[in-house]
C-alpha cells in the first residue's frame, strides 16, 4: 500500500427496488482535504488513461460501472513508499469501493470492461497549474498496461 492512499469499502443497502450506496461523508477521515469539484468521465473499453498527478490536490475516485484496472505510483521523494506501484481492480463484479490518493501519487487506469462511468472528487477546482502528466509508458514508472 502506498502511504496516503485509502481504499474505502462501501456498504450497499438493497431491496427489490434497487440499492443505496453512500460514497463519501464530510466526516470521513480520508476526506479531510475537503471538496473542490465533482467530475464524471465516460471511458471506452480498452482505453488507458495514465499517468496523471496533482501537485496540490487530493482525489477520490469511484467506478460507477464498467471495470477498471487501477495503478497508482508514488513519485514523492520524501515518502517511505517512494517509487512503489500498487494495483487493484474497481467496478463491476468487485466489492464496491472508493479510492483516494494524495498529491504526488501518479494515477491511471485501463478500462478492462466498458464503457465505464467514473466519478472523481477533487479537493480543489480544475487548475492546469496543479496538473502533471506522464506518458502511459513512462520509463521511470515501468508499468505494463497490457497485462
Protein backbone atom coordinates (compact mmCIF):
# COMPACT_ATOMS: atom_id res chain seq x y z
CA UNK A 1 0.00 0.00 0.00
CA UNK A 2 1.29 3.46 -0.88
CA UNK A 3 1.41 5.89 2.03
CA UNK A 4 -1.58 8.24 1.96
CA UNK A 5 -3.69 6.04 -0.35
CA UNK A 6 -7.05 4.91 1.05
CA UNK A 7 -9.41 2.24 -0.21
CA UNK A 8 -12.84 2.56 1.42
CA UNK A 9 -15.07 -0.47 1.06
CA UNK A 10 -18.64 0.68 0.55
CA UNK A 11 -21.78 -0.71 2.13
CA UNK A 12 -24.73 -1.36 -0.15
CA UNK A 13 -28.32 -1.35 1.10
CA UNK A 14 -30.52 -3.16 -1.38
CA UNK A 15 -34.06 -4.39 -1.70
CA UNK A 16 -36.48 -5.24 -4.51
CA UNK A 17 -36.44 -1.58 -5.68
CA UNK A 18 -32.67 -1.41 -6.18
CA UNK A 19 -29.97 -0.19 -3.82
CA UNK A 20 -28.48 2.80 -2.00
CA UNK A 21 -24.71 3.23 -1.59
CA UNK A 22 -23.10 6.06 0.36
CA UNK A 23 -19.75 7.09 -1.12
CA UNK A 24 -18.20 9.88 0.98
CA UNK A 25 -19.14 11.71 4.15
CA UNK A 26 -17.60 15.03 5.15
CA UNK A 27 -16.68 13.31 8.42
CA UNK A 28 -14.66 10.53 6.72
CA UNK A 29 -11.06 10.79 7.91
CA UNK A 30 -9.75 10.27 4.39
CA UNK A 31 -11.86 13.24 3.18
CA UNK A 32 -10.15 15.84 5.37
CA UNK A 33 -8.73 17.70 2.32
CA UNK A 34 -12.33 18.68 1.52
CA UNK A 35 -14.49 19.22 -1.53
CA UNK A 36 -13.47 21.24 -4.56
CA UNK A 37 -15.12 19.71 -7.61
CA UNK A 38 -17.12 16.64 -8.76
CA UNK A 39 -16.42 15.30 -12.27
CA UNK A 40 -17.78 12.46 -14.41
CA UNK A 41 -15.86 10.59 -17.10
CA UNK A 42 -17.02 8.04 -19.67
CA UNK A 43 -14.21 5.70 -20.71
CA UNK A 44 -14.44 3.24 -23.57
CA UNK A 45 -13.27 -0.35 -23.20
CA UNK A 46 -9.54 -0.81 -23.75
CA UNK A 47 -8.68 2.86 -23.17
CA UNK A 48 -5.74 3.64 -20.89
CA UNK A 49 -5.83 6.95 -19.01
CA UNK A 50 -2.39 7.38 -17.48
CA UNK A 51 -0.27 8.89 -15.98
CA UNK A 52 -1.67 11.94 -14.25
CA UNK A 53 -0.82 13.54 -10.92
CA UNK A 54 -1.52 16.66 -8.90
CA UNK A 55 0.89 18.99 -7.12
CA UNK A 56 -1.67 20.15 -4.52
CA UNK A 57 -5.00 18.35 -4.87
CA UNK A 58 -6.18 15.11 -3.33
CA UNK A 59 -8.51 12.99 -5.47
CA UNK A 60 -11.21 10.40 -4.68
CA UNK A 61 -12.37 8.07 -7.47
CA UNK A 62 -15.39 5.77 -7.82
CA UNK A 63 -16.15 3.45 -10.76
CA UNK A 64 -19.93 3.62 -11.16
CA UNK A 65 -20.00 1.00 -13.92
CA UNK A 66 -17.53 -0.92 -16.02
CA UNK A 67 -14.33 -2.46 -14.72
CA UNK A 68 -11.08 -0.56 -14.20
CA UNK A 69 -7.59 -1.91 -13.71
CA UNK A 70 -6.15 0.83 -11.50
CA UNK A 71 -2.47 1.57 -10.89
CA UNK A 72 -1.00 4.16 -8.52
CA UNK A 73 2.69 5.12 -8.34
CA UNK A 74 4.35 7.16 -5.61
CA UNK A 75 6.51 9.97 -7.09
CA UNK A 76 7.12 11.76 -3.74
CA UNK A 77 10.88 11.65 -2.93
CA UNK A 78 10.29 12.09 0.83
CA UNK A 79 7.69 9.32 1.07
CA UNK A 80 8.55 5.94 2.65
CA UNK A 81 6.81 4.34 -0.36
CA UNK A 82 8.68 6.45 -2.97
CA UNK A 83 8.72 4.67 -6.38
CA UNK A 84 6.31 1.95 -5.24
CA UNK A 85 3.43 0.97 -7.50
CA UNK A 86 0.17 -0.62 -6.39
CA UNK A 87 -2.62 -2.02 -8.50
CA UNK A 88 -6.18 -3.25 -7.98
CA UNK A 89 -9.46 -3.52 -9.84
CA UNK A 90 -12.55 -1.40 -9.23
CA UNK A 91 -16.05 -1.54 -10.62
CA UNK A 92 -18.47 -4.20 -11.81
CA UNK A 93 -18.06 -7.62 -10.24
CA UNK A 94 -15.77 -6.34 -7.48
CA UNK A 95 -16.62 -5.29 -3.92
CA UNK A 96 -17.70 -1.63 -4.19
CA UNK A 97 -15.03 0.84 -3.12
CA UNK A 98 -13.88 4.40 -3.46
CA UNK A 99 -10.16 5.11 -3.52
CA UNK A 100 -8.22 8.26 -2.76
CA UNK A 101 -4.66 9.37 -3.22
CA UNK A 102 -2.71 12.44 -2.15
CA UNK A 103 -0.76 14.93 -4.26
CA UNK A 104 2.33 13.42 -5.84
CA UNK A 105 0.84 9.98 -6.42
CA UNK A 106 0.58 9.28 -10.14
CA UNK A 107 -2.64 7.55 -11.11
CA UNK A 108 -4.10 5.82 -14.08
CA UNK A 109 -6.33 3.01 -15.19
CA UNK A 110 -7.25 0.82 -18.12
CA UNK A 111 -10.92 0.20 -18.84
CA UNK A 112 -10.97 -3.61 -18.83
CA UNK A 113 -14.73 -3.85 -19.36
CA UNK A 114 -16.71 -0.94 -20.58
CA UNK A 115 -17.75 1.55 -21.22
CA UNK A 116 -17.01 2.69 -17.70
CA UNK A 117 -18.56 5.63 -15.89
CA UNK A 118 -16.16 7.12 -13.35
CA UNK A 119 -16.80 9.84 -10.73
CA UNK A 120 -13.96 11.96 -9.36
CA UNK A 121 -13.99 14.35 -6.43
CA UNK A 122 -11.00 16.64 -6.10
CA UNK A 123 -10.10 18.83 -3.16
CA UNK A 124 -9.75 21.86 -5.45
CA UNK A 125 -11.26 23.11 -8.68
CA UNK A 126 -9.64 22.40 -12.04
CA UNK A 127 -6.31 24.18 -12.26
CA UNK A 128 -3.95 23.39 -15.14
CA UNK A 129 -1.06 24.59 -12.96
CA UNK A 130 -1.78 21.76 -10.49
CA UNK A 131 -1.58 19.03 -13.13
CA UNK A 132 1.36 16.94 -14.25
CA UNK A 133 1.17 14.28 -16.94
CA UNK A 134 3.49 11.45 -17.87
CA UNK A 135 3.13 9.10 -20.85
CA UNK A 136 1.45 5.76 -20.12
CA UNK A 137 4.77 4.01 -20.89
CA UNK A 138 6.84 6.36 -18.68
CA UNK A 139 10.19 4.58 -18.14
CA UNK A 140 10.53 5.99 -14.62
CA UNK A 141 7.39 4.03 -13.65
CA UNK A 142 7.87 0.98 -15.89
CA UNK A 143 4.27 -0.22 -15.75
CA UNK A 144 2.80 -2.53 -18.41
CA UNK A 145 -0.84 -1.64 -19.09
CA UNK A 146 -1.27 -4.64 -21.41
CA UNK A 147 -1.19 -7.28 -18.65
